[in-house]
Amino acid sequence: MVLCGLSYSYANGLTQSQFDIEVKSIYNEIEASQIRLHQSVDSKQNISLIIQRACEYADALNALERIAQKNIHMAKAKEEALFAKKMRNSFELSFQDLGTSYQKSCKP
């Protein structure tokens, strides 16, 4: 059964193994976006590119929090949701250091 392009199992939550695979993929994106952000900062690239990279990193953290919230019935998902929220909140300070915010600089 397909609901708006999503499988029935995804719409109703993932199994633990599906969740683990999705989380691993998101962590890979978090790591890659963090590397790109650090490279932009280290090479003193244009501030707009640094903000773009910061948005990519924040979006990856948001993706982790979203999937965790959709599967909050799992203990591991609760831990991931808390971790992602803490990381996202602390990263908001980095946006402030750049003179902006996630809401101002990143597309919704």
N, C-alpha and C. Protein backbone atom coordinates (compact mmCIF):
# COMPACT_ATOMS: atom_id res chain seq x y z
N MET A 1 0.85 -1.18 0.00
CA MET A 1 0.00 0.00 0.00
C MET A 1 0.89 1.24 0.00
N VAL A 2 0.58 2.20 -0.86
CA VAL A 2 1.37 3.42 -0.94
C VAL A 2 0.49 4.61 -0.60
N LEU A 3 1.00 5.46 0.30
CA LEU A 3 0.30 6.68 0.71
C LEU A 3 1.14 7.87 0.31
N CYS A 4 0.73 8.60 -0.71
CA CYS A 4 1.46 9.80 -1.14
C CYS A 4 2.94 9.53 -1.36
N GLY A 5 3.26 8.42 -1.99
CA GLY A 5 4.65 8.13 -2.28
C GLY A 5 5.42 7.48 -1.15
N LEU A 6 4.82 7.34 0.00
CA LEU A 6 5.49 6.71 1.14
C LEU A 6 4.96 5.30 1.32
N SER A 7 5.80 4.41 1.70
CA SER A 7 5.32 3.06 1.96
C SER A 7 4.48 3.05 3.22
N TYR A 8 3.62 2.07 3.33
CA TYR A 8 2.75 1.94 4.49
C TYR A 8 3.56 1.81 5.77
N SER A 9 4.66 1.05 5.71
CA SER A 9 5.47 0.87 6.92
C SER A 9 6.11 2.18 7.36
N TYR A 10 6.50 3.02 6.41
CA TYR A 10 7.11 4.30 6.79
C TYR A 10 6.06 5.22 7.40
N ALA A 11 4.87 5.24 6.81
CA ALA A 11 3.80 6.10 7.32
C ALA A 11 3.42 5.70 8.74
N ASN A 12 3.56 4.41 9.06
CA ASN A 12 3.21 3.92 10.39
C ASN A 12 4.41 3.75 11.30
N GLY A 13 5.54 4.27 10.93
CA GLY A 13 6.75 4.12 11.73
C GLY A 13 7.62 3.02 11.16
N LEU A 14 8.87 3.09 11.49
CA LEU A 14 9.85 2.14 10.97
C LEU A 14 10.10 1.02 11.96
N THR A 15 10.61 -0.09 11.46
CA THR A 15 11.10 -1.12 12.36
C THR A 15 12.43 -0.61 12.92
N GLN A 16 12.92 -1.28 13.94
CA GLN A 16 14.19 -0.86 14.54
C GLN A 16 15.32 -0.89 13.51
N SER A 17 15.38 -1.94 12.70
CA SER A 17 16.46 -2.03 11.72
C SER A 17 16.31 -0.96 10.63
N GLN A 18 15.09 -0.67 10.19
CA GLN A 18 14.87 0.40 9.22
C GLN A 18 15.28 1.75 9.82
N PHE A 19 14.91 1.95 11.07
CA PHE A 19 15.25 3.19 11.75
C PHE A 19 16.77 3.34 11.83
N ASP A 20 17.45 2.27 12.21
CA ASP A 20 18.92 2.31 12.32
C ASP A 20 19.57 2.66 10.98
N ILE A 21 19.06 2.10 9.89
CA ILE A 21 19.59 2.39 8.56
C ILE A 21 19.37 3.85 8.20
N GLU A 22 18.17 4.36 8.44
CA GLU A 22 17.86 5.76 8.15
C GLU A 22 18.72 6.70 8.99
N VAL A 23 18.86 6.39 10.27
CA VAL A 23 19.66 7.23 11.16
C VAL A 23 21.13 7.23 10.72
N LYS A 24 21.64 6.08 10.33
CA LYS A 24 23.03 6.01 9.86
C LYS A 24 23.22 6.89 8.63
N SER A 25 22.26 6.86 7.72
CA SER A 25 22.33 7.69 6.53
C SER A 25 22.31 9.17 6.88
N ILE A 26 21.46 9.54 7.83
CA ILE A 26 21.38 10.94 8.26
C ILE A 26 22.68 11.35 8.95
N TYR A 27 23.23 10.48 9.78
CA TYR A 27 24.51 10.79 10.43
C TYR A 27 25.62 10.99 9.39
N ASN A 28 25.58 10.21 8.32
CA ASN A 28 26.57 10.40 7.24
C ASN A 28 26.41 11.79 6.63
N GLU A 29 25.17 12.23 6.43
CA GLU A 29 24.93 13.57 5.89
C GLU A 29 25.33 14.65 6.89
N ILE A 30 25.06 14.42 8.17
CA ILE A 30 25.48 15.39 9.20
C ILE A 30 27.00 15.54 9.15
N GLU A 31 27.70 14.42 9.10
CA GLU A 31 29.17 14.46 9.07
C GLU A 31 29.68 15.17 7.81
N ALA A 32 29.11 14.82 6.66
CA ALA A 32 29.55 15.44 5.41
C ALA A 32 29.27 16.94 5.40
N SER A 33 28.11 17.33 5.88
CA SER A 33 27.78 18.77 5.89
C SER A 33 28.65 19.52 6.90
N GLN A 34 28.99 18.86 7.99
CA GLN A 34 29.88 19.49 8.97
C GLN A 34 31.28 19.69 8.39
N ILE A 35 31.75 18.72 7.64
CA ILE A 35 33.06 18.84 6.99
C ILE A 35 33.05 20.00 5.99
N ARG A 36 31.99 20.08 5.17
CA ARG A 36 31.90 21.17 4.19
C ARG A 36 31.85 22.52 4.90
N LEU A 37 31.12 22.60 6.01
CA LEU A 37 31.04 23.84 6.77
C LEU A 37 32.41 24.23 7.30
N HIS A 38 33.11 23.29 7.91
CA HIS A 38 34.44 23.58 8.47
C HIS A 38 35.41 24.00 7.37
N GLN A 39 35.33 23.36 6.21
CA GLN A 39 36.21 23.74 5.10
C GLN A 39 35.93 25.17 4.66
N SER A 40 34.65 25.54 4.61
CA SER A 40 34.28 26.90 4.22
C SER A 40 34.80 27.93 5.22
N VAL A 41 34.66 27.60 6.50
CA VAL A 41 35.14 28.51 7.54
C VAL A 41 36.66 28.59 7.52
N ASP A 42 37.32 27.44 7.46
CA ASP A 42 38.79 27.40 7.48
C ASP A 42 39.42 28.14 6.30
N SER A 43 38.77 28.06 5.14
CA SER A 43 39.32 28.74 3.96
C SER A 43 38.77 30.16 3.81
N LYS A 44 38.04 30.61 4.83
CA LYS A 44 37.53 31.98 4.88
C LYS A 44 36.75 32.35 3.62
N GLN A 45 35.85 31.44 3.25
CA GLN A 45 35.02 31.70 2.08
C GLN A 45 34.00 32.80 2.38
N ASN A 46 33.33 33.23 1.35
CA ASN A 46 32.31 34.26 1.46
C ASN A 46 31.28 33.89 2.53
N ILE A 47 30.84 34.87 3.30
CA ILE A 47 29.91 34.63 4.40
C ILE A 47 28.61 33.98 3.92
N SER A 48 28.17 34.32 2.72
CA SER A 48 26.93 33.71 2.22
C SER A 48 27.11 32.21 2.00
N LEU A 49 28.29 31.79 1.57
CA LEU A 49 28.56 30.36 1.40
C LEU A 49 28.67 29.67 2.76
N ILE A 50 29.27 30.33 3.71
CA ILE A 50 29.37 29.77 5.06
C ILE A 50 27.97 29.59 5.64
N ILE A 51 27.11 30.57 5.46
CA ILE A 51 25.73 30.46 5.96
C ILE A 51 25.00 29.34 5.23
N GLN A 52 25.21 29.20 3.93
CA GLN A 52 24.59 28.11 3.18
C GLN A 52 25.02 26.76 3.75
N ARG A 53 26.31 26.62 4.03
CA ARG A 53 26.82 25.37 4.61
C ARG A 53 26.25 25.14 6.01
N ALA A 54 26.11 26.21 6.77
CA ALA A 54 25.52 26.10 8.11
C ALA A 54 24.07 25.64 8.00
N CYS A 55 23.36 26.13 7.00
CA CYS A 55 21.97 25.70 6.79
C CYS A 55 21.90 24.22 6.44
N GLU A 56 22.83 23.75 5.61
CA GLU A 56 22.86 22.33 5.25
C GLU A 56 23.07 21.47 6.49
N TYR A 57 23.97 21.89 7.36
CA TYR A 57 24.23 21.15 8.59
C TYR A 57 22.99 21.16 9.49
N ALA A 58 22.38 22.32 9.65
CA ALA A 58 21.18 22.43 10.49
C ALA A 58 20.04 21.61 9.90
N ASP A 59 19.90 21.60 8.58
CA ASP A 59 18.86 20.80 7.94
C ASP A 59 19.06 19.31 8.23
N ALA A 60 20.31 18.86 8.22
CA ALA A 60 20.59 17.46 8.52
C ALA A 60 20.23 17.13 9.97
N LEU A 61 20.52 18.05 10.89
CA LEU A 61 20.11 17.84 12.29
C LEU A 61 18.59 17.80 12.40
N ASN A 62 17.91 18.67 11.65
CA ASN A 62 16.45 18.67 11.66
C ASN A 62 15.89 17.36 11.11
N ALA A 63 16.54 16.80 10.09
CA ALA A 63 16.10 15.52 9.53
C ALA A 63 16.21 14.41 10.58
N LEU A 64 17.29 14.44 11.35
CA LEU A 64 17.45 13.45 12.42
C LEU A 64 16.34 13.60 13.45
N GLU A 65 16.06 14.83 13.83
CA GLU A 65 15.00 15.05 14.82
C GLU A 65 13.64 14.62 14.28
N ARG A 66 13.36 14.91 13.00
CA ARG A 66 12.06 14.53 12.41
C ARG A 66 11.87 13.02 12.41
N ILE A 67 12.87 12.28 11.94
CA ILE A 67 12.72 10.82 11.88
C ILE A 67 12.60 10.24 13.29
N ALA A 68 13.32 10.82 14.23
CA ALA A 68 13.23 10.35 15.61
C ALA A 68 11.84 10.61 16.17
N GLN A 69 11.29 11.79 15.91
CA GLN A 69 9.95 12.12 16.41
C GLN A 69 8.88 11.21 15.79
N LYS A 70 9.05 10.86 14.52
CA LYS A 70 8.08 9.97 13.86
C LYS A 70 8.13 8.56 14.43
N ASN A 71 9.22 8.21 15.08
CA ASN A 71 9.40 6.86 15.62
C ASN A 71 9.66 6.90 17.12
N ILE A 72 9.07 7.86 17.79
CA ILE A 72 9.36 8.15 19.19
C ILE A 72 9.00 6.98 20.12
N HIS A 73 8.21 6.03 19.62
CA HIS A 73 7.87 4.86 20.43
C HIS A 73 9.09 3.98 20.73
N MET A 74 10.17 4.17 19.98
CA MET A 74 11.40 3.41 20.22
C MET A 74 12.29 4.17 21.19
N ALA A 75 12.87 3.47 22.13
CA ALA A 75 13.76 4.11 23.11
C ALA A 75 14.92 4.82 22.41
N LYS A 76 15.48 4.17 21.40
CA LYS A 76 16.61 4.76 20.68
C LYS A 76 16.18 6.05 19.97
N ALA A 77 14.96 6.09 19.48
CA ALA A 77 14.46 7.29 18.80
C ALA A 77 14.32 8.44 19.78
N LYS A 78 13.92 8.14 21.00
CA LYS A 78 13.82 9.19 22.02
C LYS A 78 15.20 9.81 22.28
N GLU A 79 16.20 8.96 22.38
CA GLU A 79 17.58 9.43 22.59
C GLU A 79 18.05 10.28 21.42
N GLU A 80 17.75 9.83 20.20
CA GLU A 80 18.16 10.57 19.00
C GLU A 80 17.46 11.92 18.93
N ALA A 81 16.18 11.95 19.29
CA ALA A 81 15.42 13.21 19.26
C ALA A 81 16.01 14.21 20.24
N LEU A 82 16.33 13.75 21.44
CA LEU A 82 16.94 14.63 22.43
C LEU A 82 18.30 15.14 21.97
N PHE A 83 19.11 14.24 21.45
CA PHE A 83 20.43 14.61 20.95
C PHE A 83 20.33 15.65 19.84
N ALA A 84 19.45 15.39 18.86
CA ALA A 84 19.30 16.31 17.73
C ALA A 84 18.82 17.68 18.19
N LYS A 85 17.89 17.69 19.12
CA LYS A 85 17.36 18.96 19.62
C LYS A 85 18.45 19.76 20.33
N LYS A 86 19.24 19.08 21.17
CA LYS A 86 20.34 19.77 21.87
C LYS A 86 21.36 20.31 20.88
N MET A 87 21.71 19.52 19.88
CA MET A 87 22.68 19.96 18.87
C MET A 87 22.14 21.14 18.08
N ARG A 88 20.89 21.05 17.69
CA ARG A 88 20.27 22.13 16.91
C ARG A 88 20.21 23.42 17.71
N ASN A 89 19.81 23.31 18.98
CA ASN A 89 19.73 24.50 19.84
C ASN A 89 21.10 25.13 20.05
N SER A 90 22.12 24.30 20.28
CA SER A 90 23.45 24.87 20.47
C SER A 90 24.01 25.43 19.17
N PHE A 91 23.64 24.82 18.05
CA PHE A 91 24.13 25.32 16.76
C PHE A 91 23.49 26.66 16.41
N GLU A 92 22.33 26.93 16.96
CA GLU A 92 21.69 28.23 16.72
C GLU A 92 22.60 29.37 17.18
N LEU A 93 23.44 29.11 18.19
CA LEU A 93 24.41 30.11 18.64
C LEU A 93 25.42 30.44 17.53
N SER A 94 25.75 29.45 16.71
CA SER A 94 26.66 29.69 15.59
C SER A 94 26.03 30.64 14.57
N PHE A 95 24.73 30.48 14.35
CA PHE A 95 24.04 31.42 13.47
C PHE A 95 24.09 32.82 14.05
N GLN A 96 23.91 32.92 15.36
CA GLN A 96 23.97 34.23 16.01
C GLN A 96 25.36 34.84 15.85
N ASP A 97 26.41 34.02 15.93
CA ASP A 97 27.77 34.50 15.71
C ASP A 97 27.94 35.07 14.30
N LEU A 98 27.15 34.54 13.36
CA LEU A 98 27.21 35.02 11.98
C LEU A 98 26.26 36.21 11.75
N GLY A 99 25.57 36.61 12.81
CA GLY A 99 24.67 37.75 12.72
C GLY A 99 23.33 37.43 12.10
N THR A 100 22.91 36.18 12.21
CA THR A 100 21.64 35.77 11.61
C THR A 100 21.00 34.69 12.46
N SER A 101 20.00 34.02 11.92
CA SER A 101 19.36 32.89 12.59
C SER A 101 18.98 31.87 11.52
N TYR A 102 18.66 30.67 11.95
CA TYR A 102 18.23 29.64 11.01
C TYR A 102 16.97 30.10 10.30
N GLN A 103 16.04 30.67 11.04
CA GLN A 103 14.77 31.11 10.47
C GLN A 103 14.97 32.19 9.41
N LYS A 104 15.94 33.07 9.61
CA LYS A 104 16.19 34.15 8.66
C LYS A 104 16.94 33.68 7.42
N SER A 105 17.89 32.80 7.61
CA SER A 105 18.84 32.49 6.53
C SER A 105 18.58 31.20 5.78
N CYS A 106 17.84 30.29 6.35
CA CYS A 106 17.63 28.99 5.72
C CYS A 106 16.19 28.88 5.25
N LYS A 107 16.01 28.28 4.08
CA LYS A 107 14.64 28.14 3.59
C LYS A 107 13.88 27.18 4.49
N PRO A 108 12.60 27.45 4.68
CA PRO A 108 11.80 26.62 5.60
C PRO A 108 11.61 25.20 5.15
